[in-house]
């Protein structure tokens, strides 16, 4: 069973920024992943986030168990 979009957003917000290691996010957007990501990496949700401290932008891929598959 796949996790909900709300749960995926909570998982993304609980992930530290790769730049400054803080947890303060200015913007978090969680959307269903593309078909290519779903087929190749088994990613269900894609989260785009912007850090509120250093301004770093990063993306997370979250699978149907709630595990982070990639960070970029």
PDB file of N, CA and C in Angstrom:
ATOM      1  N   UNK A   1       0.837  -1.187   0.000  1.00  0.00           N
ATOM      2  CA  UNK A   1       0.000   0.000   0.000  1.00  0.00           C
ATOM      3  C   UNK A   1       0.875   1.241   0.000  1.00  0.00           C
ATOM      4  N   UNK A   2       0.544   2.177  -0.829  1.00  0.00           N
ATOM      5  CA  UNK A   2       1.327   3.391  -0.987  1.00  0.00           C
ATOM      6  C   UNK A   2       1.000   4.412   0.107  1.00  0.00           C
ATOM      7  N   UNK A   3       1.983   5.235   0.442  1.00  0.00           N
ATOM      8  CA  UNK A   3       1.759   6.280   1.445  1.00  0.00           C
ATOM      9  C   UNK A   3       0.990   7.444   0.815  1.00  0.00           C
ATOM     10  N   UNK A   4       0.342   8.244   1.645  1.00  0.00           N
ATOM     11  CA  UNK A   4      -0.432   9.380   1.151  1.00  0.00           C
ATOM     12  C   UNK A   4       0.488  10.557   0.851  1.00  0.00           C
ATOM     13  N   UNK A   5      -0.036  11.541   0.134  1.00  0.00           N
ATOM     14  CA  UNK A   5       0.735  12.739  -0.177  1.00  0.00           C
ATOM     15  C   UNK A   5       1.070  13.506   1.105  1.00  0.00           C
ATOM     16  N   UNK A   6       0.149  13.533   2.047  1.00  0.00           N
ATOM     17  CA  UNK A   6       0.392  14.207   3.327  1.00  0.00           C
ATOM     18  C   UNK A   6       1.562  13.560   4.076  1.00  0.00           C
ATOM     19  N   UNK A   7       1.604  12.229   4.088  1.00  0.00           N
ATOM     20  CA  UNK A   7       2.694  11.516   4.755  1.00  0.00           C
ATOM     21  C   UNK A   7       4.018  11.762   4.034  1.00  0.00           C
ATOM     22  N   UNK A   8       4.002  11.790   2.708  1.00  0.00           N
ATOM     23  CA  UNK A   8       5.209  12.067   1.934  1.00  0.00           C
ATOM     24  C   UNK A   8       5.740  13.467   2.235  1.00  0.00           C
ATOM     25  N   UNK A   9       4.842  14.439   2.429  1.00  0.00           N
ATOM     26  CA  UNK A   9       5.276  15.799   2.774  1.00  0.00           C
ATOM     27  C   UNK A   9       5.915  15.828   4.157  1.00  0.00           C
ATOM     28  N   UNK A  10       5.354  15.090   5.109  1.00  0.00           N
ATOM     29  CA  UNK A  10       5.961  15.032   6.451  1.00  0.00           C
ATOM     30  C   UNK A  10       7.340  14.389   6.406  1.00  0.00           C
ATOM     31  N   UNK A  11       7.506  13.365   5.592  1.00  0.00           N
ATOM     32  CA  UNK A  11       8.813  12.717   5.436  1.00  0.00           C
ATOM     33  C   UNK A  11       9.812  13.703   4.833  1.00  0.00           C
ATOM     34  N   UNK A  12       9.386  14.449   3.822  1.00  0.00           N
ATOM     35  CA  UNK A  12      10.271  15.427   3.179  1.00  0.00           C
ATOM     36  C   UNK A  12      10.678  16.532   4.154  1.00  0.00           C
ATOM     37  N   UNK A  13       9.736  17.052   4.934  1.00  0.00           N
ATOM     38  CA  UNK A  13      10.044  18.116   5.902  1.00  0.00           C
ATOM     39  C   UNK A  13      10.968  17.632   7.019  1.00  0.00           C
ATOM     40  N   UNK A  14      10.975  16.341   7.292  1.00  0.00           N
ATOM     41  CA  UNK A  14      11.824  15.785   8.342  1.00  0.00           C
ATOM     42  C   UNK A  14      13.240  15.501   7.855  1.00  0.00           C
ATOM     43  N   UNK A  15      13.503  15.763   6.575  1.00  0.00           N
ATOM     44  CA  UNK A  15      14.823  15.519   5.999  1.00  0.00           C
ATOM     45  C   UNK A  15      15.657  16.796   6.080  1.00  0.00           C
ATOM     46  N   UNK A  16      16.892  16.705   6.534  1.00  0.00           N
ATOM     47  CA  UNK A  16      17.762  17.874   6.677  1.00  0.00           C
ATOM     48  C   UNK A  16      18.239  18.382   5.315  1.00  0.00           C
ATOM     49  N   UNK A  17      18.478  19.680   5.248  1.00  0.00           N
ATOM     50  CA  UNK A  17      19.029  20.308   4.048  1.00  0.00           C
ATOM     51  C   UNK A  17      20.425  19.743   3.792  1.00  0.00           C
ATOM     52  N   UNK A  18      20.738  19.460   2.549  1.00  0.00           N
ATOM     53  CA  UNK A  18      22.055  18.917   2.216  1.00  0.00           C
ATOM     54  C   UNK A  18      23.142  19.987   2.272  1.00  0.00           C
ATOM     55  N   UNK A  19      22.742  21.256   2.271  1.00  0.00           N
ATOM     56  CA  UNK A  19      23.718  22.339   2.328  1.00  0.00           C
ATOM     57  C   UNK A  19      24.116  22.729   3.739  1.00  0.00           C
ATOM     58  N   UNK A  20      23.126  23.104   4.558  1.00  0.00           N
ATOM     59  CA  UNK A  20      23.427  23.628   5.898  1.00  0.00           C
ATOM     60  C   UNK A  20      23.012  22.688   7.028  1.00  0.00           C
ATOM     61  N   UNK A  21      22.384  21.564   6.689  1.00  0.00           N
ATOM     62  CA  UNK A  21      21.955  20.541   7.661  1.00  0.00           C
ATOM     63  C   UNK A  21      20.850  21.025   8.610  1.00  0.00           C
ATOM     64  N   UNK A  22      20.127  22.068   8.220  1.00  0.00           N
ATOM     65  CA  UNK A  22      18.997  22.558   9.013  1.00  0.00           C
ATOM     66  C   UNK A  22      17.697  21.926   8.501  1.00  0.00           C
ATOM     67  N   UNK A  23      16.638  22.072   9.297  1.00  0.00           N
ATOM     68  CA  UNK A  23      15.333  21.483   8.961  1.00  0.00           C
ATOM     69  C   UNK A  23      14.279  22.548   8.665  1.00  0.00           C
ATOM     70  N   UNK A  24      14.698  23.772   8.380  1.00  0.00           N
ATOM     71  CA  UNK A  24      13.778  24.872   8.136  1.00  0.00           C
ATOM     72  C   UNK A  24      13.549  25.013   6.635  1.00  0.00           C
ATOM     73  N   UNK A  25      12.384  24.619   6.183  1.00  0.00           N
ATOM     74  CA  UNK A  25      12.067  24.671   4.760  1.00  0.00           C
ATOM     75  C   UNK A  25      11.137  25.824   4.464  1.00  0.00           C
ATOM     76  N   UNK A  26      11.503  26.654   3.489  1.00  0.00           N
ATOM     77  CA  UNK A  26      10.671  27.776   3.070  1.00  0.00           C
ATOM     78  C   UNK A  26       9.529  27.283   2.190  1.00  0.00           C
ATOM     79  N   UNK A  27       9.832  26.326   1.334  1.00  0.00           N
ATOM     80  CA  UNK A  27       8.829  25.824   0.400  1.00  0.00           C
ATOM     81  C   UNK A  27       9.018  24.325   0.205  1.00  0.00           C
ATOM     82  N   UNK A  28       7.937  23.578   0.333  1.00  0.00           N
ATOM     83  CA  UNK A  28       7.955  22.139   0.071  1.00  0.00           C
ATOM     84  C   UNK A  28       6.776  21.813  -0.842  1.00  0.00           C
ATOM     85  N   UNK A  29       7.078  21.167  -1.949  1.00  0.00           N
ATOM     86  CA  UNK A  29       6.043  20.778  -2.899  1.00  0.00           C
ATOM     87  C   UNK A  29       6.183  19.286  -3.179  1.00  0.00           C
ATOM     88  N   UNK A  30       5.122  18.529  -2.893  1.00  0.00           N
ATOM     89  CA  UNK A  30       5.142  17.079  -3.116  1.00  0.00           C
ATOM     90  C   UNK A  30       4.121  16.746  -4.203  1.00  0.00           C
ATOM     91  N   UNK A  31       4.604  16.077  -5.239  1.00  0.00           N
ATOM     92  CA  UNK A  31       3.746  15.715  -6.368  1.00  0.00           C
ATOM     93  C   UNK A  31       3.980  14.256  -6.736  1.00  0.00           C
ATOM     94  N   UNK A  32       3.022  13.624  -7.388  1.00  0.00           N
ATOM     95  CA  UNK A  32       3.259  12.253  -7.882  1.00  0.00           C
ATOM     96  C   UNK A  32       4.443  12.249  -8.845  1.00  0.00           C
ATOM     97  N   UNK A  33       5.254  11.222  -8.788  1.00  0.00           N
ATOM     98  CA  UNK A  33       6.453  11.173  -9.623  1.00  0.00           C
ATOM     99  C   UNK A  33       6.092  10.905 -11.082  1.00  0.00           C
ATOM    100  N   UNK A  34       7.041  11.185 -11.944  1.00  0.00           N
ATOM    101  CA  UNK A  34       6.840  10.938 -13.376  1.00  0.00           C
ATOM    102  C   UNK A  34       6.834   9.431 -13.647  1.00  0.00           C
ATOM    103  N   UNK A  35       6.327   9.073 -14.778  1.00  0.00           N
ATOM    104  CA  UNK A  35       6.271   7.665 -15.157  1.00  0.00           C
ATOM    105  C   UNK A  35       7.675   7.064 -15.257  1.00  0.00           C
ATOM    106  N   UNK A  36       8.623   7.837 -15.771  1.00  0.00           N
ATOM    107  CA  UNK A  36       9.998   7.342 -15.918  1.00  0.00           C
ATOM    108  C   UNK A  36      10.619   7.033 -14.556  1.00  0.00           C
ATOM    109  N   UNK A  37      10.438   7.929 -13.579  1.00  0.00           N
ATOM    110  CA  UNK A  37      10.963   7.682 -12.228  1.00  0.00           C
ATOM    111  C   UNK A  37      10.254   6.503 -11.573  1.00  0.00           C
ATOM    112  N   UNK A  38       8.962   6.413 -11.791  1.00  0.00           N
ATOM    113  CA  UNK A  38       8.188   5.331 -11.192  1.00  0.00           C
ATOM    114  C   UNK A  38       8.660   3.970 -11.704  1.00  0.00           C
ATOM    115  N   UNK A  39       8.970   3.888 -12.986  1.00  0.00           N
ATOM    116  CA  UNK A  39       9.395   2.621 -13.573  1.00  0.00           C
ATOM    117  C   UNK A  39      10.852   2.279 -13.259  1.00  0.00           C
ATOM    118  N   UNK A  40      11.738   3.283 -13.301  1.00  0.00           N
ATOM    119  CA  UNK A  40      13.161   2.986 -13.125  1.00  0.00           C
ATOM    120  C   UNK A  40      13.590   2.884 -11.659  1.00  0.00           C
ATOM    121  N   UNK A  41      13.119   3.793 -10.800  1.00  0.00           N
ATOM    122  CA  UNK A  41      13.549   3.816  -9.396  1.00  0.00           C
ATOM    123  C   UNK A  41      12.459   3.421  -8.407  1.00  0.00           C
ATOM    124  N   UNK A  42      11.253   3.128  -8.906  1.00  0.00           N
ATOM    125  CA  UNK A  42      10.099   2.799  -8.058  1.00  0.00           C
ATOM    126  C   UNK A  42       9.752   3.933  -7.088  1.00  0.00           C
ATOM    127  N   UNK A  43       9.866   5.174  -7.574  1.00  0.00           N
ATOM    128  CA  UNK A  43       9.544   6.360  -6.789  1.00  0.00           C
ATOM    129  C   UNK A  43       8.074   6.695  -6.990  1.00  0.00           C
ATOM    130  N   UNK A  44       7.347   6.897  -5.890  1.00  0.00           N
ATOM    131  CA  UNK A  44       5.924   7.224  -5.963  1.00  0.00           C
ATOM    132  C   UNK A  44       5.708   8.731  -5.868  1.00  0.00           C
ATOM    133  N   UNK A  45       6.465   9.409  -4.988  1.00  0.00           N
ATOM    134  CA  UNK A  45       6.327  10.850  -4.762  1.00  0.00           C
ATOM    135  C   UNK A  45       7.653  11.551  -5.014  1.00  0.00           C
ATOM    136  N   UNK A  46       7.585  12.750  -5.618  1.00  0.00           N
ATOM    137  CA  UNK A  46       8.749  13.611  -5.811  1.00  0.00           C
ATOM    138  C   UNK A  46       8.519  14.878  -5.001  1.00  0.00           C
ATOM    139  N   UNK A  47       9.492  15.216  -4.162  1.00  0.00           N
ATOM    140  CA  UNK A  47       9.397  16.415  -3.330  1.00  0.00           C
ATOM    141  C   UNK A  47      10.447  17.422  -3.771  1.00  0.00           C
ATOM    142  N   UNK A  48      10.014  18.641  -4.065  1.00  0.00           N
ATOM    143  CA  UNK A  48      10.919  19.742  -4.370  1.00  0.00           C
ATOM    144  C   UNK A  48      10.896  20.677  -3.175  1.00  0.00           C
ATOM    145  N   UNK A  49      12.093  21.009  -2.656  1.00  0.00           N
ATOM    146  CA  UNK A  49      12.163  21.784  -1.416  1.00  0.00           C
ATOM    147  C   UNK A  49      13.190  22.900  -1.546  1.00  0.00           C
ATOM    148  N   UNK A  50      12.920  24.034  -0.868  1.00  0.00           N
ATOM    149  CA  UNK A  50      13.847  25.156  -0.817  1.00  0.00           C
ATOM    150  C   UNK A  50      14.108  25.480   0.643  1.00  0.00           C
ATOM    151  N   UNK A  51      15.394  25.503   1.026  1.00  0.00           N
ATOM    152  CA  UNK A  51      15.789  25.735   2.412  1.00  0.00           C
ATOM    153  C   UNK A  51      15.516  27.185   2.815  1.00  0.00           C
ATOM    154  N   UNK A  52      15.016  27.363   4.018  1.00  0.00           N
ATOM    155  CA  UNK A  52      14.744  28.698   4.541  1.00  0.00           C
ATOM    156  C   UNK A  52      15.968  29.364   5.130  1.00  0.00           C
ATOM    157  N   UNK A  53      17.056  28.644   5.313  1.00  0.00           N
ATOM    158  CA  UNK A  53      18.286  29.194   5.888  1.00  0.00           C
ATOM    159  C   UNK A  53      19.277  29.581   4.786  1.00  0.00           C
ATOM    160  N   UNK A  54      19.688  28.611   3.980  1.00  0.00           N
ATOM    161  CA  UNK A  54      20.740  28.871   2.977  1.00  0.00           C
ATOM    162  C   UNK A  54      20.194  29.031   1.552  1.00  0.00           C
ATOM    163  N   UNK A  55      18.909  28.739   1.329  1.00  0.00           N
ATOM    164  CA  UNK A  55      18.318  28.882   0.004  1.00  0.00           C
ATOM    165  C   UNK A  55      18.593  27.730  -0.937  1.00  0.00           C
ATOM    166  N   UNK A  56      19.213  26.671  -0.434  1.00  0.00           N
ATOM    167  CA  UNK A  56      19.516  25.494  -1.250  1.00  0.00           C
ATOM    168  C   UNK A  56      18.218  24.840  -1.736  1.00  0.00           C
ATOM    169  N   UNK A  57      18.199  24.466  -3.009  1.00  0.00           N
ATOM    170  CA  UNK A  57      17.046  23.754  -3.560  1.00  0.00           C
ATOM    171  C   UNK A  57      17.434  22.305  -3.761  1.00  0.00           C
ATOM    172  N   UNK A  58      16.576  21.396  -3.318  1.00  0.00           N
ATOM    173  CA  UNK A  58      16.856  19.978  -3.503  1.00  0.00           C
ATOM    174  C   UNK A  58      15.578  19.221  -3.796  1.00  0.00           C
ATOM    175  N   UNK A  59      15.755  18.027  -4.308  1.00  0.00           N
ATOM    176  CA  UNK A  59      14.629  17.171  -4.672  1.00  0.00           C
ATOM    177  C   UNK A  59      14.816  15.806  -4.018  1.00  0.00           C
ATOM    178  N   UNK A  60      13.720  15.242  -3.548  1.00  0.00           N
ATOM    179  CA  UNK A  60      13.741  13.911  -2.951  1.00  0.00           C
ATOM    180  C   UNK A  60      12.789  13.008  -3.722  1.00  0.00           C
ATOM    181  N   UNK A  61      13.142  11.752  -3.811  1.00  0.00           N
ATOM    182  CA  UNK A  61      12.261  10.736  -4.361  1.00  0.00           C
ATOM    183  C   UNK A  61      11.864   9.791  -3.242  1.00  0.00           C
ATOM    184  N   UNK A  62      10.572   9.586  -3.046  1.00  0.00           N
ATOM    185  CA  UNK A  62      10.060   8.776  -1.942  1.00  0.00           C
ATOM    186  C   UNK A  62       9.288   7.588  -2.518  1.00  0.00           C
ATOM    187  N   UNK A  63       9.629   6.378  -2.038  1.00  0.00           N
ATOM    188  CA  UNK A  63       8.948   5.189  -2.558  1.00  0.00           C
ATOM    189  C   UNK A  63       7.663   4.906  -1.786  1.00  0.00           C
ATOM    190  N   UNK A  64       6.980   3.815  -2.130  1.00  0.00           N
ATOM    191  CA  UNK A  64       5.670   3.529  -1.544  1.00  0.00           C
ATOM    192  C   UNK A  64       5.740   3.076  -0.082  1.00  0.00           C
ATOM    193  N   UNK A  65       6.934   2.778   0.432  1.00  0.00           N
ATOM    194  CA  UNK A  65       7.088   2.449   1.849  1.00  0.00           C
ATOM    195  C   UNK A  65       7.459   3.664   2.699  1.00  0.00           C
ATOM    196  N   UNK A  66       7.707   4.808   2.050  1.00  0.00           N
ATOM    197  CA  UNK A  66       8.096   6.008   2.756  1.00  0.00           C
ATOM    198  C   UNK A  66       9.598   6.171   2.892  1.00  0.00           C
ATOM    199  N   UNK A  67      10.363   5.357   2.175  1.00  0.00           N
ATOM    200  CA  UNK A  67      11.824   5.464   2.194  1.00  0.00           C
ATOM    201  C   UNK A  67      12.292   6.433   1.123  1.00  0.00           C
ATOM    202  N   UNK A  68      13.354   7.193   1.420  1.00  0.00           N
ATOM    203  CA  UNK A  68      13.920   8.122   0.449  1.00  0.00           C
ATOM    204  C   UNK A  68      14.828   7.331  -0.495  1.00  0.00           C
ATOM    205  N   UNK A  69      14.501   7.395  -1.783  1.00  0.00           N
ATOM    206  CA  UNK A  69      15.227   6.639  -2.799  1.00  0.00           C
ATOM    207  C   UNK A  69      16.396   7.451  -3.345  1.00  0.00           C
ATOM    208  N   UNK A  70      16.175   8.761  -3.567  1.00  0.00           N
ATOM    209  CA  UNK A  70      17.263   9.594  -4.041  1.00  0.00           C
ATOM    210  C   UNK A  70      17.120  11.003  -3.490  1.00  0.00           C
ATOM    211  N   UNK A  71      18.247  11.703  -3.460  1.00  0.00           N
ATOM    212  CA  UNK A  71      18.289  13.103  -3.041  1.00  0.00           C
ATOM    213  C   UNK A  71      19.150  13.834  -4.058  1.00  0.00           C
ATOM    214  N   UNK A  72      18.631  14.922  -4.560  1.00  0.00           N
ATOM    215  CA  UNK A  72      19.401  15.648  -5.560  1.00  0.00           C
ATOM    216  C   UNK A  72      19.177  17.122  -5.519  1.00  0.00           C
TER     217      UNK A  72
END
